[in-house]
Amino acid sequence: MQTSPDKSALRRTAARARAQISDKQSVSEQIIDRLIASPPYQQAQTVLWYLDVRHEVRTTWYVQQQLTGALPPALGRRTRKRLAIPYCVDDDLQVFRLDSMDQLQPGAYGILEPKPELRNDPKTQLPVDQFDLIITPGVAFDPQGGRIGHGKGYYDRLLARKGQQTLAIALAFHCQVLDRVPMSAHDVPMDYLVTEDSWMMC
């Protein structure tokens, strides 16, 4: 699949800006706090999180603390939820219900993924259409719900399987939000976009 030159250029621009953020952890904490204070998150019972890699908004710390109950008071008062993460199998993302970080091990490129012996356990499997929220990473976004990922289409294929009531919520640093990003027919728009200084309904 050939990528639009405009999309490629925007991806490079947003990726460079994101990489230059020096205090990613503290900014990520602002984004996460804004997310979990929101009504959609407060009301959700089943949430699909991503575990951050490279320069993405940091999420792994929150998932880990949610699982262990070690959240600080401001975050720990939130209702405990069923959490799951995606992992890659061939060209698609599968879903794994996560109860402990001990269920994970580093996979390709150091990305945490479920241990192989746990993946076929029925207790760890959840259909994508049963999630209330899918927390979504990306490289560039716009306020209309447009999203540019890394160009492989993994999340678009995952989001295409979500239920009608499932909300796709993107996490981004402010510098990743552009006026408009091009969308292809197979691209799935976001319902909400959360940055360190805004909560946007798309």
Foldseek 3Di string as FASTA:
>chain_A
DDDDPQLVVLLVQLQVVLLPDDPLQVQLVLLVLVVCVDPLNLPWAEEEEECDDDRWRHDPVVVQCLLVLNDPPSPSVGDRHFYWYWDDDPLETFIFTDNHLVQWDQDPPRGIDGDPVCPPDPVTHDFQQPGQEYEDEARAAELVQDGHHPPSCHVLVSVVRYHPNHFYEYEDEPSRYDHDHDDDPSGDGGQWYTGSPDIGGD
